[in-house]
Amino acid sequence: MDWSTFFAMGGYAEYVWPAYGIAVVVLGGLVVSSLRFRRERQRLLAALGEEKAEGYNAQGEGDD
């Protein structure tokens, strides 16, 4: 099997390669979206943790 036969996909290359391209774009978008969401949630969690720690210290709790 040579490369030109592989890339021709048995005459269906005009359908197969765009489908692969769309799949790669969609999956890449999901990865980017997931990483952004994760980063946002980590920041929110850190901010909530800081607020909680400030609340404990203001009440005199947690100062052992």
N, C-alpha and C. Protein backbone atom coordinates (compact mmCIF):
# COMPACT_ATOMS: atom_id res chain seq x y z
N MET A 1 0.85 -1.19 0.00
CA MET A 1 0.00 0.00 0.00
C MET A 1 0.89 1.24 0.00
N ASP A 2 0.68 2.12 -0.95
CA ASP A 2 1.47 3.35 -1.00
C ASP A 2 0.67 4.50 -0.37
N TRP A 3 1.36 5.58 -0.13
CA TRP A 3 0.75 6.72 0.58
C TRP A 3 -0.36 7.39 -0.22
N SER A 4 -0.21 7.46 -1.53
CA SER A 4 -1.25 8.12 -2.32
C SER A 4 -2.56 7.35 -2.24
N THR A 5 -2.49 6.03 -2.19
CA THR A 5 -3.70 5.22 -2.05
C THR A 5 -4.34 5.47 -0.68
N PHE A 6 -3.48 5.55 0.33
CA PHE A 6 -3.98 5.81 1.68
C PHE A 6 -4.69 7.16 1.74
N PHE A 7 -4.04 8.20 1.21
CA PHE A 7 -4.63 9.53 1.27
C PHE A 7 -5.85 9.68 0.37
N ALA A 8 -5.98 8.86 -0.66
CA ALA A 8 -7.15 8.90 -1.53
C ALA A 8 -8.36 8.25 -0.85
N MET A 9 -8.13 7.42 0.13
CA MET A 9 -9.17 6.76 0.92
C MET A 9 -10.20 6.05 0.04
N GLY A 10 -9.70 5.38 -0.97
CA GLY A 10 -10.59 4.60 -1.83
C GLY A 10 -11.60 5.46 -2.59
N GLY A 11 -11.24 6.71 -2.86
CA GLY A 11 -12.13 7.60 -3.59
C GLY A 11 -13.04 8.42 -2.69
N TYR A 12 -12.96 8.21 -1.40
CA TYR A 12 -13.82 8.93 -0.46
C TYR A 12 -13.06 10.00 0.32
N ALA A 13 -11.90 10.38 -0.14
CA ALA A 13 -11.06 11.34 0.59
C ALA A 13 -11.75 12.68 0.79
N GLU A 14 -12.55 13.10 -0.18
CA GLU A 14 -13.22 14.40 -0.05
C GLU A 14 -14.26 14.41 1.06
N TYR A 15 -14.65 13.24 1.54
CA TYR A 15 -15.59 13.15 2.67
C TYR A 15 -14.86 12.80 3.98
N VAL A 16 -13.86 11.95 3.86
CA VAL A 16 -13.16 11.45 5.05
C VAL A 16 -12.29 12.53 5.68
N TRP A 17 -11.46 13.20 4.91
CA TRP A 17 -10.52 14.16 5.48
C TRP A 17 -11.20 15.37 6.12
N PRO A 18 -12.25 15.93 5.50
CA PRO A 18 -12.96 17.01 6.21
C PRO A 18 -13.60 16.52 7.52
N ALA A 19 -14.08 15.29 7.53
CA ALA A 19 -14.66 14.74 8.76
C ALA A 19 -13.59 14.63 9.84
N TYR A 20 -12.40 14.18 9.46
CA TYR A 20 -11.29 14.14 10.42
C TYR A 20 -10.95 15.55 10.91
N GLY A 21 -10.92 16.48 9.99
CA GLY A 21 -10.60 17.87 10.35
C GLY A 21 -11.62 18.45 11.33
N ILE A 22 -12.89 18.22 11.05
CA ILE A 22 -13.94 18.72 11.94
C ILE A 22 -13.82 18.07 13.32
N ALA A 23 -13.55 16.77 13.34
CA ALA A 23 -13.40 16.07 14.62
C ALA A 23 -12.23 16.63 15.42
N VAL A 24 -11.12 16.91 14.75
CA VAL A 24 -9.96 17.47 15.44
C VAL A 24 -10.27 18.85 16.00
N VAL A 25 -10.97 19.67 15.22
CA VAL A 25 -11.33 21.02 15.68
C VAL A 25 -12.26 20.94 16.89
N VAL A 26 -13.27 20.08 16.82
CA VAL A 26 -14.22 19.95 17.93
C VAL A 26 -13.53 19.43 19.18
N LEU A 27 -12.72 18.38 19.04
CA LEU A 27 -12.02 17.84 20.20
C LEU A 27 -11.02 18.85 20.77
N GLY A 28 -10.35 19.58 19.90
CA GLY A 28 -9.44 20.63 20.37
C GLY A 28 -10.19 21.71 21.14
N GLY A 29 -11.36 22.08 20.63
CA GLY A 29 -12.18 23.07 21.33
C GLY A 29 -12.62 22.58 22.69
N LEU A 30 -12.95 21.30 22.79
CA LEU A 30 -13.34 20.73 24.08
C LEU A 30 -12.17 20.75 25.07
N VAL A 31 -10.98 20.46 24.60
CA VAL A 31 -9.80 20.50 25.47
C VAL A 31 -9.57 21.92 25.97
N VAL A 32 -9.61 22.89 25.07
CA VAL A 32 -9.39 24.29 25.45
C VAL A 32 -10.47 24.75 26.43
N SER A 33 -11.71 24.42 26.13
CA SER A 33 -12.82 24.80 27.01
C SER A 33 -12.67 24.16 28.39
N SER A 34 -12.31 22.91 28.43
CA SER A 34 -12.13 22.22 29.71
C SER A 34 -11.00 22.82 30.52
N LEU A 35 -9.90 23.17 29.87
CA LEU A 35 -8.78 23.76 30.58
C LEU A 35 -9.13 25.14 31.13
N ARG A 36 -9.87 25.93 30.35
CA ARG A 36 -10.30 27.25 30.83
C ARG A 36 -11.24 27.11 32.02
N PHE A 37 -12.19 26.19 31.94
CA PHE A 37 -13.14 25.97 33.01
C PHE A 37 -12.41 25.52 34.28
N ARG A 38 -11.44 24.62 34.11
CA ARG A 38 -10.67 24.13 35.25
C ARG A 38 -9.90 25.27 35.91
N ARG A 39 -9.26 26.10 35.10
CA ARG A 39 -8.48 27.22 35.63
C ARG A 39 -9.39 28.20 36.38
N GLU A 40 -10.58 28.46 35.82
CA GLU A 40 -11.53 29.36 36.46
C GLU A 40 -11.99 28.79 37.81
N ARG A 41 -12.28 27.50 37.84
CA ARG A 41 -12.74 26.87 39.09
C ARG A 41 -11.63 26.83 40.13
N GLN A 42 -10.39 26.63 39.70
CA GLN A 42 -9.27 26.65 40.65
C GLN A 42 -9.13 28.03 41.28
N ARG A 43 -9.26 29.08 40.47
CA ARG A 43 -9.19 30.44 41.00
C ARG A 43 -10.32 30.72 41.99
N LEU A 44 -11.52 30.26 41.64
CA LEU A 44 -12.67 30.45 42.53
C LEU A 44 -12.46 29.70 43.84
N LEU A 45 -11.98 28.49 43.77
CA LEU A 45 -11.73 27.70 44.97
C LEU A 45 -10.66 28.35 45.84
N ALA A 46 -9.62 28.87 45.23
CA ALA A 46 -8.56 29.55 45.98
C ALA A 46 -9.12 30.80 46.66
N ALA A 47 -9.96 31.55 45.95
CA ALA A 47 -10.54 32.76 46.53
C ALA A 47 -11.46 32.41 47.69
N LEU A 48 -12.24 31.36 47.56
CA LEU A 48 -13.11 30.94 48.65
C LEU A 48 -12.30 30.46 49.85
N GLY A 49 -11.21 29.77 49.59
CA GLY A 49 -10.34 29.32 50.67
C GLY A 49 -9.73 30.48 51.42
N GLU A 50 -9.34 31.53 50.69
CA GLU A 50 -8.77 32.72 51.33
C GLU A 50 -9.83 33.43 52.17
N GLU A 51 -11.06 33.53 51.64
CA GLU A 51 -12.14 34.17 52.39
C GLU A 51 -12.43 33.41 53.69
N LYS A 52 -12.43 32.10 53.59
CA LYS A 52 -12.70 31.29 54.77
C LYS A 52 -11.60 31.46 55.80
N ALA A 53 -10.34 31.48 55.34
CA ALA A 53 -9.22 31.65 56.26
C ALA A 53 -9.27 33.03 56.91
N GLU A 54 -9.63 34.04 56.15
CA GLU A 54 -9.74 35.39 56.72
C GLU A 54 -10.87 35.44 57.75
N GLY A 55 -11.95 34.75 57.51
CA GLY A 55 -13.06 34.71 58.45
C GLY A 55 -12.68 34.04 59.76
N TYR A 56 -11.91 32.96 59.66
CA TYR A 56 -11.47 32.28 60.87
C TYR A 56 -10.52 33.17 61.67
N ASN A 57 -9.61 33.82 61.00
CA ASN A 57 -8.64 34.66 61.69
C ASN A 57 -9.30 35.90 62.30
N ALA A 58 -10.31 36.43 61.66
CA ALA A 58 -11.00 37.61 62.18
C ALA A 58 -11.80 37.26 63.46
N GLN A 59 -12.24 36.03 63.56
CA GLN A 59 -12.99 35.59 64.73
C GLN A 59 -12.07 35.03 65.81
N GLY A 60 -10.80 34.96 65.52
CA GLY A 60 -9.87 34.42 66.51
C GLY A 60 -9.81 32.91 66.50
N GLU A 61 -10.48 32.31 65.55
CA GLU A 61 -10.46 30.86 65.44
C GLU A 61 -9.33 30.45 64.52
N GLY A 62 -8.82 29.31 64.74
CA GLY A 62 -7.77 28.80 63.90
C GLY A 62 -6.40 29.36 64.22
N ASP A 63 -6.27 30.16 65.25
CA ASP A 63 -4.98 30.70 65.66
C ASP A 63 -4.43 29.87 66.80
N ASP A 64 -3.87 28.74 66.47
CA ASP A 64 -3.34 27.86 67.53
C ASP A 64 -1.88 28.07 67.77
